[in-house]
Amino acid sequence: MIALLARRVGHGILVLFVVSLLAFLLSTVVGDPVASILGLSATPEDRIELASRLGLDRPWFVRYVDYIWNAVHFRFGMSYSAQRPVADLLVERIPATIELASVALVISLGVGIPLGLAAAVNRGKWWATVLMSSSVIGLSLPTFVVGILLIFVFSVQLGWLPSFGRGETVAIGWWTTGLLTKSGLLALIMPATALAISQIALIARLVRAEMLDVLRADYIRFARARGISQRSIQFSHALRNTLIPVITVSGIQLGFLVAFAIVAEAVFQWPGLGLLFITALGSTDIPVISAFLLLAAAFFVAINFIVDVLYVVVDPRLRAGTAGAGASL
């Protein structure tokens, strides 16, 4: 198990190295930091002085080492447009994005798993077939289309939910949350649902396929032969093994939801990292863009590592396999 996790750490470091190199190259080839800060009317003397102060006159590999050192210490420089430290902007926006992605994941698991189980257990019934056919629509609809439809129905027509913003939030240290206020909860419903729709369809189809595969296994046949009730077989024996792949998918999807909540945040003007990234793209704010790329990659790596640990803990076959591999070496 230790060897497996060590390999995962090595893979994660490699991914972060590649992303950091791409982010650094992006900061060197896109836009002119001096012009973005001083404007086009700056004098040559001012431009030279600022370039020297920013270290832009040094060799690229020296700047890359400084870039990595600062990134490890969560220092990403100054935002060109906001003229504030990028780290401060990220700290302000991270809670909103994590909250949105986490609630969307809970919704997708809470709805997708029961739907997939119901479709597998009742395979062959017309409503189960309709349910799985409808899931294709959920996978196909873009998030911005779902978001616009939700706004039109529940905000414009019915007036039940706010169409934009995060609502009232409560500060717990540096963390802010809207889960403790009524307006915050109401503001969260539509963007989280829009983000979760495609994930519900994906998880439902995955659970159905895995459940059907598990129900054909030999140990399920033996359980039936021993006279164990069908309900006990489905929910005590088959469900546990069915949910093992869901752990992997859930971790990957959480990383996906955090990194790609951009569309939902733009549609609902949700003040998270995605909206910050879109604003930075519009103003060519390279420090913010590169910091977002690094942070998204780091989050993906961390989530995948946690999923690998949980996968080994849940599935004893992996523990036995890694132990056997270590013994053979």
C-alpha atoms as a PDB file:
ATOM      1  CA  MET A   1       0.000   0.000   0.000  1.00  0.00           C
ATOM      2  CA  ILE A   2       2.844   2.394   0.833  1.00  0.00           C
ATOM      3  CA  ALA A   3       4.474   1.715  -2.546  1.00  0.00           C
ATOM      4  CA  LEU A   4       1.174   2.378  -4.328  1.00  0.00           C
ATOM      5  CA  LEU A   5       0.641   5.671  -2.517  1.00  0.00           C
ATOM      6  CA  ALA A   6       4.274   6.663  -3.141  1.00  0.00           C
ATOM      7  CA  ARG A   7       3.719   6.161  -6.876  1.00  0.00           C
ATOM      8  CA  ARG A   8       0.573   8.277  -6.689  1.00  0.00           C
ATOM      9  CA  VAL A   9       2.507  11.056  -4.958  1.00  0.00           C
ATOM     10  CA  GLY A  10       5.166  10.882  -7.666  1.00  0.00           C
ATOM     11  CA  HIS A  11       2.532  11.100 -10.395  1.00  0.00           C
ATOM     12  CA  GLY A  12       0.930  14.072  -8.632  1.00  0.00           C
ATOM     13  CA  ILE A  13       4.242  15.916  -8.384  1.00  0.00           C
ATOM     14  CA  LEU A  14       4.840  15.307 -12.093  1.00  0.00           C
ATOM     15  CA  VAL A  15       1.391  16.676 -12.971  1.00  0.00           C
ATOM     16  CA  LEU A  16       1.945  19.773 -10.843  1.00  0.00           C
ATOM     17  CA  PHE A  17       5.357  20.316 -12.427  1.00  0.00           C
ATOM     18  CA  VAL A  18       3.911  20.207 -15.954  1.00  0.00           C
ATOM     19  CA  VAL A  19       1.011  22.508 -15.061  1.00  0.00           C
ATOM     20  CA  SER A  20       3.319  24.942 -13.267  1.00  0.00           C
ATOM     21  CA  LEU A  21       5.594  25.058 -16.313  1.00  0.00           C
ATOM     22  CA  LEU A  22       2.641  25.721 -18.618  1.00  0.00           C
ATOM     23  CA  ALA A  23       1.298  28.411 -16.277  1.00  0.00           C
ATOM     24  CA  PHE A  24       4.724  30.063 -16.116  1.00  0.00           C
ATOM     25  CA  LEU A  25       5.112  29.995 -19.901  1.00  0.00           C
ATOM     26  CA  LEU A  26       1.637  31.481 -20.186  1.00  0.00           C
ATOM     27  CA  SER A  27       2.703  34.361 -17.957  1.00  0.00           C
ATOM     28  CA  THR A  28       5.734  35.012 -20.158  1.00  0.00           C
ATOM     29  CA  VAL A  29       4.218  34.818 -23.647  1.00  0.00           C
ATOM     30  CA  VAL A  30       0.729  36.256 -23.165  1.00  0.00           C
ATOM     31  CA  GLY A  31       0.311  39.963 -22.597  1.00  0.00           C
ATOM     32  CA  ASP A  32       2.732  42.556 -21.277  1.00  0.00           C
ATOM     33  CA  PRO A  33       2.713  42.848 -17.466  1.00  0.00           C
ATOM     34  CA  VAL A  34       4.352  46.260 -17.578  1.00  0.00           C
ATOM     35  CA  ALA A  35       1.772  47.638 -20.006  1.00  0.00           C
ATOM     36  CA  SER A  36      -1.056  46.050 -18.025  1.00  0.00           C
ATOM     37  CA  ILE A  37       0.083  47.762 -14.833  1.00  0.00           C
ATOM     38  CA  LEU A  38       1.325  51.130 -16.100  1.00  0.00           C
ATOM     39  CA  GLY A  39      -0.761  51.529 -19.222  1.00  0.00           C
ATOM     40  CA  LEU A  40       0.397  52.418 -22.726  1.00  0.00           C
ATOM     41  CA  SER A  41       1.206  56.028 -21.825  1.00  0.00           C
ATOM     42  CA  ALA A  42       4.039  55.120 -19.420  1.00  0.00           C
ATOM     43  CA  THR A  43       7.502  56.493 -20.124  1.00  0.00           C
ATOM     44  CA  PRO A  44      10.345  54.151 -21.120  1.00  0.00           C
ATOM     45  CA  GLU A  45      12.092  54.898 -17.822  1.00  0.00           C
ATOM     46  CA  ASP A  46       9.034  53.847 -15.858  1.00  0.00           C
ATOM     47  CA  ARG A  47       8.722  50.666 -17.900  1.00  0.00           C
ATOM     48  CA  ILE A  48      12.360  49.729 -17.341  1.00  0.00           C
ATOM     49  CA  GLU A  49      12.105  50.446 -13.620  1.00  0.00           C
ATOM     50  CA  LEU A  50       8.953  48.350 -13.179  1.00  0.00           C
ATOM     51  CA  ALA A  51      10.354  45.474 -15.282  1.00  0.00           C
ATOM     52  CA  SER A  52      13.431  45.431 -13.059  1.00  0.00           C
ATOM     53  CA  ARG A  53      11.297  45.533  -9.910  1.00  0.00           C
ATOM     54  CA  LEU A  54       9.186  42.627 -11.161  1.00  0.00           C
ATOM     55  CA  GLY A  55      12.310  40.660 -12.089  1.00  0.00           C
ATOM     56  CA  LEU A  56      11.386  40.481 -15.783  1.00  0.00           C
ATOM     57  CA  ASP A  57      14.962  41.316 -16.813  1.00  0.00           C
ATOM     58  CA  ARG A  58      16.306  38.083 -15.288  1.00  0.00           C
ATOM     59  CA  PRO A  59      16.795  34.749 -17.153  1.00  0.00           C
ATOM     60  CA  TRP A  60      13.626  32.695 -17.524  1.00  0.00           C
ATOM     61  CA  PHE A  61      14.856  29.691 -15.497  1.00  0.00           C
ATOM     62  CA  VAL A  62      15.687  31.955 -12.544  1.00  0.00           C
ATOM     63  CA  ARG A  63      12.205  33.438 -12.741  1.00  0.00           C
ATOM     64  CA  TYR A  64      10.693  29.941 -12.958  1.00  0.00           C
ATOM     65  CA  VAL A  65      12.467  28.847  -9.771  1.00  0.00           C
ATOM     66  CA  ASP A  66      11.181  31.985  -8.028  1.00  0.00           C
ATOM     67  CA  TYR A  67       7.732  31.292  -9.442  1.00  0.00           C
ATOM     68  CA  ILE A  68       7.693  27.764  -7.986  1.00  0.00           C
ATOM     69  CA  TRP A  69       9.053  28.954  -4.634  1.00  0.00           C
ATOM     70  CA  ASN A  70       6.386  31.644  -4.372  1.00  0.00           C
ATOM     71  CA  ALA A  71       3.623  29.252  -5.483  1.00  0.00           C
ATOM     72  CA  VAL A  72       4.614  26.720  -2.806  1.00  0.00           C
ATOM     73  CA  HIS A  73       4.246  29.534  -0.257  1.00  0.00           C
ATOM     74  CA  PHE A  74       0.893  30.590  -1.813  1.00  0.00           C
ATOM     75  CA  ARG A  75       2.294  33.811  -3.253  1.00  0.00           C
ATOM     76  CA  PHE A  76       1.150  34.503  -6.810  1.00  0.00           C
ATOM     77  CA  GLY A  77       2.004  38.157  -7.219  1.00  0.00           C
ATOM     78  CA  MET A  78      -0.305  41.110  -7.788  1.00  0.00           C
ATOM     79  CA  SER A  79      -3.463  41.107  -9.872  1.00  0.00           C
ATOM     80  CA  TYR A  80      -3.083  43.515 -12.778  1.00  0.00           C
ATOM     81  CA  SER A  81      -6.707  44.628 -12.753  1.00  0.00           C
ATOM     82  CA  ALA A  82      -7.524  44.574  -9.030  1.00  0.00           C
ATOM     83  CA  GLN A  83      -4.052  45.697  -7.890  1.00  0.00           C
ATOM     84  CA  ARG A  84      -4.305  43.320  -4.944  1.00  0.00           C
ATOM     85  CA  PRO A  85      -2.379  40.168  -4.043  1.00  0.00           C
ATOM     86  CA  VAL A  86      -3.745  37.242  -6.045  1.00  0.00           C
ATOM     87  CA  ALA A  87      -3.620  35.045  -2.940  1.00  0.00           C
ATOM     88  CA  ASP A  88      -6.081  37.363  -1.193  1.00  0.00           C
ATOM     89  CA  LEU A  89      -8.474  37.136  -4.135  1.00  0.00           C
ATOM     90  CA  LEU A  90      -8.259  33.343  -4.133  1.00  0.00           C
ATOM     91  CA  VAL A  91      -8.867  33.087  -0.379  1.00  0.00           C
ATOM     92  CA  GLU A  92     -11.979  35.262  -0.772  1.00  0.00           C
ATOM     93  CA  ARG A  93     -13.378  33.142  -3.612  1.00  0.00           C
ATOM     94  CA  ILE A  94     -12.433  29.588  -2.586  1.00  0.00           C
ATOM     95  CA  PRO A  95     -15.251  29.128  -0.006  1.00  0.00           C
ATOM     96  CA  ALA A  96     -17.953  29.988  -2.544  1.00  0.00           C
ATOM     97  CA  THR A  97     -16.648  27.512  -5.131  1.00  0.00           C
ATOM     98  CA  ILE A  98     -16.044  24.692  -2.625  1.00  0.00           C
ATOM     99  CA  GLU A  99     -19.528  25.197  -1.207  1.00  0.00           C
ATOM    100  CA  LEU A 100     -21.145  25.154  -4.647  1.00  0.00           C
ATOM    101  CA  ALA A 101     -19.225  22.079  -5.827  1.00  0.00           C
ATOM    102  CA  SER A 102     -19.785  20.151  -2.579  1.00  0.00           C
ATOM    103  CA  VAL A 103     -23.541  20.753  -2.570  1.00  0.00           C
ATOM    104  CA  ALA A 104     -23.720  19.814  -6.262  1.00  0.00           C
ATOM    105  CA  LEU A 105     -21.857  16.575  -5.500  1.00  0.00           C
ATOM    106  CA  VAL A 106     -24.194  15.763  -2.593  1.00  0.00           C
ATOM    107  CA  ILE A 107     -27.206  16.360  -4.845  1.00  0.00           C
ATOM    108  CA  SER A 108     -25.771  14.203  -7.631  1.00  0.00           C
ATOM    109  CA  LEU A 109     -24.967  11.327  -5.261  1.00  0.00           C
ATOM    110  CA  GLY A 110     -28.206  11.640  -3.299  1.00  0.00           C
ATOM    111  CA  VAL A 111     -30.294  11.495  -6.467  1.00  0.00           C
ATOM    112  CA  GLY A 112     -28.097   9.525  -8.871  1.00  0.00           C
ATOM    113  CA  ILE A 113     -27.384   6.494  -6.657  1.00  0.00           C
ATOM    114  CA  PRO A 114     -31.061   5.746  -5.807  1.00  0.00           C
ATOM    115  CA  LEU A 115     -32.070   6.244  -9.453  1.00  0.00           C
ATOM    116  CA  GLY A 116     -29.350   3.878 -10.659  1.00  0.00           C
ATOM    117  CA  LEU A 117     -30.255   1.251  -8.064  1.00  0.00           C
ATOM    118  CA  ALA A 118     -33.943   1.495  -8.896  1.00  0.00           C
ATOM    119  CA  ALA A 119     -33.237   1.142 -12.613  1.00  0.00           C
ATOM    120  CA  ALA A 120     -31.024  -1.916 -12.016  1.00  0.00           C
ATOM    121  CA  VAL A 121     -33.331  -3.702  -9.586  1.00  0.00           C
ATOM    122  CA  ASN A 122     -36.355  -3.080 -11.809  1.00  0.00           C
ATOM    123  CA  ARG A 123     -34.624  -3.802 -15.096  1.00  0.00           C
ATOM    124  CA  GLY A 124     -37.070  -4.511 -17.885  1.00  0.00           C
ATOM    125  CA  LYS A 125     -39.874  -2.333 -16.510  1.00  0.00           C
ATOM    126  CA  TRP A 126     -40.996   0.473 -18.772  1.00  0.00           C
ATOM    127  CA  TRP A 127     -40.346   3.258 -16.294  1.00  0.00           C
ATOM    128  CA  ALA A 128     -36.776   2.054 -15.673  1.00  0.00           C
ATOM    129  CA  THR A 129     -36.155   2.135 -19.426  1.00  0.00           C
ATOM    130  CA  VAL A 130     -37.612   5.637 -19.667  1.00  0.00           C
ATOM    131  CA  LEU A 131     -35.466   6.704 -16.712  1.00  0.00           C
ATOM    132  CA  MET A 132     -32.234   5.559 -18.345  1.00  0.00           C
ATOM    133  CA  SER A 133     -33.249   7.042 -21.688  1.00  0.00           C
ATOM    134  CA  SER A 134     -33.947  10.365 -19.987  1.00  0.00           C
ATOM    135  CA  SER A 135     -30.488  10.317 -18.414  1.00  0.00           C
ATOM    136  CA  VAL A 136     -29.019  10.810 -21.879  1.00  0.00           C
ATOM    137  CA  ILE A 137     -30.770  14.173 -21.980  1.00  0.00           C
ATOM    138  CA  GLY A 138     -29.182  15.097 -18.658  1.00  0.00           C
ATOM    139  CA  LEU A 139     -25.752  14.200 -19.998  1.00  0.00           C
ATOM    140  CA  SER A 140     -26.327  16.143 -23.207  1.00  0.00           C
ATOM    141  CA  LEU A 141     -27.715  19.404 -21.857  1.00  0.00           C
ATOM    142  CA  PRO A 142     -25.011  22.055 -21.347  1.00  0.00           C
ATOM    143  CA  THR A 143     -24.841  23.577 -17.881  1.00  0.00           C
ATOM    144  CA  PHE A 144     -25.571  27.086 -19.138  1.00  0.00           C
ATOM    145  CA  VAL A 145     -28.778  25.896 -20.842  1.00  0.00           C
ATOM    146  CA  VAL A 146     -29.947  24.203 -17.634  1.00  0.00           C
ATOM    147  CA  GLY A 147     -29.062  27.324 -15.673  1.00  0.00           C
ATOM    148  CA  ILE A 148     -30.978  29.628 -17.990  1.00  0.00           C
ATOM    149  CA  LEU A 149     -34.031  27.343 -17.894  1.00  0.00           C
ATOM    150  CA  LEU A 150     -33.938  27.259 -14.084  1.00  0.00           C
ATOM    151  CA  ILE A 151     -33.689  31.040 -13.901  1.00  0.00           C
ATOM    152  CA  PHE A 152     -36.594  31.450 -16.328  1.00  0.00           C
ATOM    153  CA  VAL A 153     -38.873  29.059 -14.438  1.00  0.00           C
ATOM    154  CA  PHE A 154     -38.034  29.553 -10.765  1.00  0.00           C
ATOM    155  CA  SER A 155     -36.892  33.159 -10.773  1.00  0.00           C
ATOM    156  CA  VAL A 156     -38.639  34.967 -13.636  1.00  0.00           C
ATOM    157  CA  GLN A 157     -41.926  33.057 -13.800  1.00  0.00           C
ATOM    158  CA  LEU A 158     -42.440  31.832 -10.228  1.00  0.00           C
ATOM    159  CA  GLY A 159     -40.250  34.270  -8.315  1.00  0.00           C
ATOM    160  CA  TRP A 160     -39.262  31.613  -5.781  1.00  0.00           C
ATOM    161  CA  LEU A 161     -35.463  31.810  -5.999  1.00  0.00           C
ATOM    162  CA  PRO A 162     -32.909  34.597  -6.579  1.00  0.00           C
ATOM    163  CA  SER A 163     -31.405  34.635 -10.063  1.00  0.00           C
ATOM    164  CA  PHE A 164     -27.877  35.708  -9.124  1.00  0.00           C
ATOM    165  CA  GLY A 165     -25.479  36.209  -6.242  1.00  0.00           C
ATOM    166  CA  ARG A 166     -24.671  34.197  -3.152  1.00  0.00           C
ATOM    167  CA  GLY A 167     -27.119  35.699  -0.685  1.00  0.00           C
ATOM    168  CA  GLU A 168     -26.231  36.533   2.897  1.00  0.00           C
ATOM    169  CA  THR A 169     -23.140  34.768   4.226  1.00  0.00           C
ATOM    170  CA  VAL A 170     -21.708  34.089   7.673  1.00  0.00           C
ATOM    171  CA  ALA A 171     -17.964  34.363   8.394  1.00  0.00           C
ATOM    172  CA  ILE A 172     -16.339  31.542  10.357  1.00  0.00           C
ATOM    173  CA  GLY A 173     -12.770  32.734  10.636  1.00  0.00           C
ATOM    174  CA  TRP A 174     -11.583  33.365   7.068  1.00  0.00           C
ATOM    175  CA  TRP A 175     -14.214  30.959   5.703  1.00  0.00           C
ATOM    176  CA  THR A 176     -17.573  32.294   4.559  1.00  0.00           C
ATOM    177  CA  THR A 177     -20.702  30.192   4.114  1.00  0.00           C
ATOM    178  CA  GLY A 178     -24.242  30.757   2.992  1.00  0.00           C
ATOM    179  CA  LEU A 179     -25.459  27.440   4.376  1.00  0.00           C
ATOM    180  CA  LEU A 180     -26.360  29.062   7.697  1.00  0.00           C
ATOM    181  CA  THR A 181     -28.672  31.730   6.279  1.00  0.00           C
ATOM    182  CA  LYS A 182     -32.005  31.456   4.490  1.00  0.00           C
ATOM    183  CA  SER A 183     -31.010  33.737   1.606  1.00  0.00           C
ATOM    184  CA  GLY A 184     -27.733  31.840   1.223  1.00  0.00           C
ATOM    185  CA  LEU A 185     -29.538  28.502   0.976  1.00  0.00           C
ATOM    186  CA  LEU A 186     -32.054  29.860  -1.514  1.00  0.00           C
ATOM    187  CA  ALA A 187     -29.297  31.363  -3.656  1.00  0.00           C
ATOM    188  CA  LEU A 188     -27.438  28.031  -3.684  1.00  0.00           C
ATOM    189  CA  ILE A 189     -30.292  25.838  -4.939  1.00  0.00           C
ATOM    190  CA  MET A 190     -30.310  26.757  -8.637  1.00  0.00           C
ATOM    191  CA  PRO A 191     -26.553  26.919  -9.371  1.00  0.00           C
ATOM    192  CA  ALA A 192     -25.928  23.670  -7.470  1.00  0.00           C
ATOM    193  CA  THR A 193     -28.781  21.950  -9.308  1.00  0.00           C
ATOM    194  CA  ALA A 194     -27.586  23.223 -12.700  1.00  0.00           C
ATOM    195  CA  LEU A 195     -24.103  21.917 -11.939  1.00  0.00           C
ATOM    196  CA  ALA A 196     -25.430  18.575 -10.659  1.00  0.00           C
ATOM    197  CA  ILE A 197     -27.807  17.636 -13.500  1.00  0.00           C
ATOM    198  CA  SER A 198     -25.201  16.033 -15.759  1.00  0.00           C
ATOM    199  CA  GLN A 199     -23.531  14.365 -12.769  1.00  0.00           C
ATOM    200  CA  ILE A 200     -26.849  12.828 -11.663  1.00  0.00           C
ATOM    201  CA  ALA A 201     -27.235  11.218 -15.076  1.00  0.00           C
ATOM    202  CA  LEU A 202     -23.630  10.002 -15.091  1.00  0.00           C
ATOM    203  CA  ILE A 203     -23.786   8.463 -11.615  1.00  0.00           C
ATOM    204  CA  ALA A 204     -27.194   6.871 -12.251  1.00  0.00           C
ATOM    205  CA  ARG A 205     -25.922   5.138 -15.386  1.00  0.00           C
ATOM    206  CA  LEU A 206     -22.710   4.049 -13.655  1.00  0.00           C
ATOM    207  CA  VAL A 207     -24.537   2.627 -10.623  1.00  0.00           C
ATOM    208  CA  ARG A 208     -27.026   0.768 -12.827  1.00  0.00           C
ATOM    209  CA  ALA A 209     -24.263  -0.793 -14.938  1.00  0.00           C
ATOM    210  CA  GLU A 210     -22.203  -1.791 -11.883  1.00  0.00           C
ATOM    211  CA  MET A 211     -25.239  -3.146 -10.024  1.00  0.00           C
ATOM    212  CA  LEU A 212     -26.267  -5.318 -12.976  1.00  0.00           C
ATOM    213  CA  ASP A 213     -22.704  -6.624 -13.261  1.00  0.00           C
ATOM    214  CA  VAL A 214     -22.502  -7.442  -9.548  1.00  0.00           C
ATOM    215  CA  LEU A 215     -25.897  -9.184  -9.562  1.00  0.00           C
ATOM    216  CA  ARG A 216     -24.506 -11.643 -12.161  1.00  0.00           C
ATOM    217  CA  ALA A 217     -21.543 -12.576  -9.943  1.00  0.00           C
ATOM    218  CA  ASP A 218     -21.117 -16.093  -8.539  1.00  0.00           C
ATOM    219  CA  TYR A 219     -21.342 -15.069  -4.888  1.00  0.00           C
ATOM    220  CA  ILE A 220     -24.751 -13.513  -5.571  1.00  0.00           C
ATOM    221  CA  ARG A 221     -25.919 -16.811  -7.061  1.00  0.00           C
ATOM    222  CA  PHE A 222     -24.655 -18.638  -3.973  1.00  0.00           C
ATOM    223  CA  ALA A 223     -26.479 -16.168  -1.749  1.00  0.00           C
ATOM    224  CA  ARG A 224     -29.722 -16.854  -3.621  1.00  0.00           C
ATOM    225  CA  ALA A 225     -29.132 -20.590  -3.361  1.00  0.00           C
ATOM    226  CA  ARG A 226     -28.777 -20.257   0.424  1.00  0.00           C
ATOM    227  CA  GLY A 227     -32.248 -18.741   0.561  1.00  0.00           C
ATOM    228  CA  ILE A 228     -31.212 -15.178   1.450  1.00  0.00           C
ATOM    229  CA  SER A 229     -33.961 -12.717   0.627  1.00  0.00           C
ATOM    230  CA  GLN A 230     -33.714 -10.723  -2.578  1.00  0.00           C
ATOM    231  CA  ARG A 231     -33.777  -7.424  -0.707  1.00  0.00           C
ATOM    232  CA  SER A 232     -30.896  -8.505   1.534  1.00  0.00           C
ATOM    233  CA  ILE A 233     -28.902  -9.644  -1.487  1.00  0.00           C
ATOM    234  CA  GLN A 234     -29.430  -6.363  -3.296  1.00  0.00           C
ATOM    235  CA  PHE A 235     -28.738  -3.957  -0.465  1.00  0.00           C
ATOM    236  CA  SER A 236     -26.414  -5.898   1.864  1.00  0.00           C
ATOM    237  CA  HIS A 237     -24.289  -7.876  -0.605  1.00  0.00           C
ATOM    238  CA  ALA A 238     -24.455  -6.240  -4.031  1.00  0.00           C
ATOM    239  CA  LEU A 239     -24.697  -2.575  -3.033  1.00  0.00           C
ATOM    240  CA  ARG A 240     -21.366  -2.518  -1.182  1.00  0.00           C
ATOM    241  CA  ASN A 241     -19.386  -3.698  -4.212  1.00  0.00           C
ATOM    242  CA  THR A 242     -21.450  -1.530  -6.530  1.00  0.00           C
ATOM    243  CA  LEU A 243     -20.435   1.629  -4.673  1.00  0.00           C
ATOM    244  CA  ILE A 244     -16.674   0.974  -4.864  1.00  0.00           C
ATOM    245  CA  PRO A 245     -16.324   2.488  -8.390  1.00  0.00           C
ATOM    246  CA  VAL A 246     -18.610   5.331  -7.324  1.00  0.00           C
ATOM    247  CA  ILE A 247     -15.924   6.414  -4.834  1.00  0.00           C
ATOM    248  CA  THR A 248     -13.471   6.937  -7.669  1.00  0.00           C
ATOM    249  CA  VAL A 249     -15.978   8.727  -9.861  1.00  0.00           C
ATOM    250  CA  SER A 250     -17.164  10.928  -6.982  1.00  0.00           C
ATOM    251  CA  GLY A 251     -13.643  12.106  -6.250  1.00  0.00           C
ATOM    252  CA  ILE A 252     -12.930  12.839  -9.884  1.00  0.00           C
ATOM    253  CA  GLN A 253     -16.271  14.610 -10.255  1.00  0.00           C
ATOM    254  CA  LEU A 254     -15.619  16.785  -7.204  1.00  0.00           C
ATOM    255  CA  GLY A 255     -12.404  17.946  -8.821  1.00  0.00           C
ATOM    256  CA  PHE A 256     -14.300  18.457 -12.065  1.00  0.00           C
ATOM    257  CA  LEU A 257     -17.022  20.449 -10.326  1.00  0.00           C
ATOM    258  CA  VAL A 258     -14.514  22.722  -8.581  1.00  0.00           C
ATOM    259  CA  ALA A 259     -12.379  23.325 -11.647  1.00  0.00           C
ATOM    260  CA  PHE A 260     -15.216  23.590 -14.165  1.00  0.00           C
ATOM    261  CA  ALA A 261     -17.892  25.372 -12.175  1.00  0.00           C
ATOM    262  CA  ILE A 262     -16.996  28.339 -14.378  1.00  0.00           C
ATOM    263  CA  VAL A 263     -20.152  28.155 -16.482  1.00  0.00           C
ATOM    264  CA  ALA A 264     -22.562  27.921 -13.549  1.00  0.00           C
ATOM    265  CA  GLU A 265     -20.773  30.732 -11.728  1.00  0.00           C
ATOM    266  CA  ALA A 266     -20.945  32.927 -14.825  1.00  0.00           C
ATOM    267  CA  VAL A 267     -24.653  32.255 -15.413  1.00  0.00           C
ATOM    268  CA  PHE A 268     -25.631  32.880 -11.790  1.00  0.00           C
ATOM    269  CA  GLN A 269     -22.910  35.474 -11.049  1.00  0.00           C
ATOM    270  CA  TRP A 270     -21.724  33.246  -8.227  1.00  0.00           C
ATOM    271  CA  PRO A 271     -18.696  34.953  -6.608  1.00  0.00           C
ATOM    272  CA  GLY A 272     -16.318  32.002  -6.814  1.00  0.00           C
ATOM    273  CA  LEU A 273     -13.075  31.056  -8.499  1.00  0.00           C
ATOM    274  CA  GLY A 274     -14.776  30.439 -11.836  1.00  0.00           C
ATOM    275  CA  LEU A 275     -16.179  33.947 -12.047  1.00  0.00           C
ATOM    276  CA  LEU A 276     -12.795  35.327 -10.989  1.00  0.00           C
ATOM    277  CA  PHE A 277     -11.150  33.295 -13.769  1.00  0.00           C
ATOM    278  CA  ILE A 278     -13.566  34.560 -16.413  1.00  0.00           C
ATOM    279  CA  THR A 279     -13.019  38.158 -15.296  1.00  0.00           C
ATOM    280  CA  ALA A 280      -9.259  37.596 -15.442  1.00  0.00           C
ATOM    281  CA  LEU A 281      -9.540  36.220 -18.978  1.00  0.00           C
ATOM    282  CA  GLY A 282     -11.431  39.329 -20.080  1.00  0.00           C
ATOM    283  CA  SER A 283      -8.717  41.639 -18.717  1.00  0.00           C
ATOM    284  CA  THR A 284      -5.736  39.340 -19.521  1.00  0.00           C
ATOM    285  CA  ASP A 285      -4.878  39.229 -15.830  1.00  0.00           C
ATOM    286  CA  ILE A 286      -2.118  36.630 -16.189  1.00  0.00           C
ATOM    287  CA  PRO A 287      -1.219  36.238 -12.486  1.00  0.00           C
ATOM    288  CA  VAL A 288      -4.825  35.334 -11.667  1.00  0.00           C
ATOM    289  CA  ILE A 289      -5.103  32.983 -14.655  1.00  0.00           C
ATOM    290  CA  SER A 290      -1.886  31.105 -13.865  1.00  0.00           C
ATOM    291  CA  ALA A 291      -2.771  30.910 -10.159  1.00  0.00           C
ATOM    292  CA  PHE A 292      -6.189  29.440 -11.020  1.00  0.00           C
ATOM    293  CA  LEU A 293      -4.574  26.796 -13.240  1.00  0.00           C
ATOM    294  CA  LEU A 294      -2.126  25.822 -10.501  1.00  0.00           C
ATOM    295  CA  LEU A 295      -4.817  25.738  -7.822  1.00  0.00           C
ATOM    296  CA  ALA A 296      -7.155  23.627  -9.977  1.00  0.00           C
ATOM    297  CA  ALA A 297      -4.354  21.161 -10.741  1.00  0.00           C
ATOM    298  CA  ALA A 298      -3.373  20.942  -7.070  1.00  0.00           C
ATOM    299  CA  PHE A 299      -6.987  20.284  -6.108  1.00  0.00           C
ATOM    300  CA  PHE A 300      -7.304  17.527  -8.719  1.00  0.00           C
ATOM    301  CA  VAL A 301      -4.103  15.872  -7.506  1.00  0.00           C
ATOM    302  CA  ALA A 302      -5.171  16.069  -3.845  1.00  0.00           C
ATOM    303  CA  ILE A 303      -8.651  14.672  -4.562  1.00  0.00           C
ATOM    304  CA  ASN A 304      -7.271  11.816  -6.665  1.00  0.00           C
ATOM    305  CA  PHE A 305      -4.795  10.926  -3.912  1.00  0.00           C
ATOM    306  CA  ILE A 306      -7.568  10.848  -1.298  1.00  0.00           C
ATOM    307  CA  VAL A 307      -9.678   8.685  -3.636  1.00  0.00           C
ATOM    308  CA  ASP A 308      -6.793   6.254  -4.079  1.00  0.00           C
ATOM    309  CA  VAL A 309      -6.426   5.955  -0.303  1.00  0.00           C
ATOM    310  CA  LEU A 310     -10.163   5.369   0.165  1.00  0.00           C
ATOM    311  CA  TYR A 311     -10.202   2.860  -2.682  1.00  0.00           C
ATOM    312  CA  VAL A 312      -7.460   0.799  -1.045  1.00  0.00           C
ATOM    313  CA  VAL A 313      -9.206   1.002   2.333  1.00  0.00           C
ATOM    314  CA  VAL A 314     -12.587  -0.061   0.930  1.00  0.00           C
ATOM    315  CA  ASP A 315     -11.388  -2.800  -1.430  1.00  0.00           C
ATOM    316  CA  PRO A 316      -9.315  -5.463   0.427  1.00  0.00           C
ATOM    317  CA  ARG A 317      -8.251  -6.976  -2.904  1.00  0.00           C
ATOM    318  CA  LEU A 318      -6.090  -3.924  -3.588  1.00  0.00           C
ATOM    319  CA  ARG A 319      -4.453  -4.205  -0.169  1.00  0.00           C
ATOM    320  CA  ALA A 320      -3.705  -7.867  -0.834  1.00  0.00           C
ATOM    321  CA  GLY A 321      -2.432  -7.030  -4.319  1.00  0.00           C
ATOM    322  CA  THR A 322      -0.073  -4.325  -3.125  1.00  0.00           C
ATOM    323  CA  ALA A 323       1.141  -6.530  -0.274  1.00  0.00           C
ATOM    324  CA  GLY A 324       1.793  -9.367  -2.679  1.00  0.00           C
ATOM    325  CA  ALA A 325       3.649  -7.061  -5.037  1.00  0.00           C
ATOM    326  CA  GLY A 326       5.817  -5.814  -2.190  1.00  0.00           C
ATOM    327  CA  ALA A 327       6.578  -9.382  -1.079  1.00  0.00           C
ATOM    328  CA  SER A 328       7.556 -10.435  -4.608  1.00  0.00           C
ATOM    329  CA  LEU A 329       9.943  -7.529  -4.868  1.00  0.00           C
END
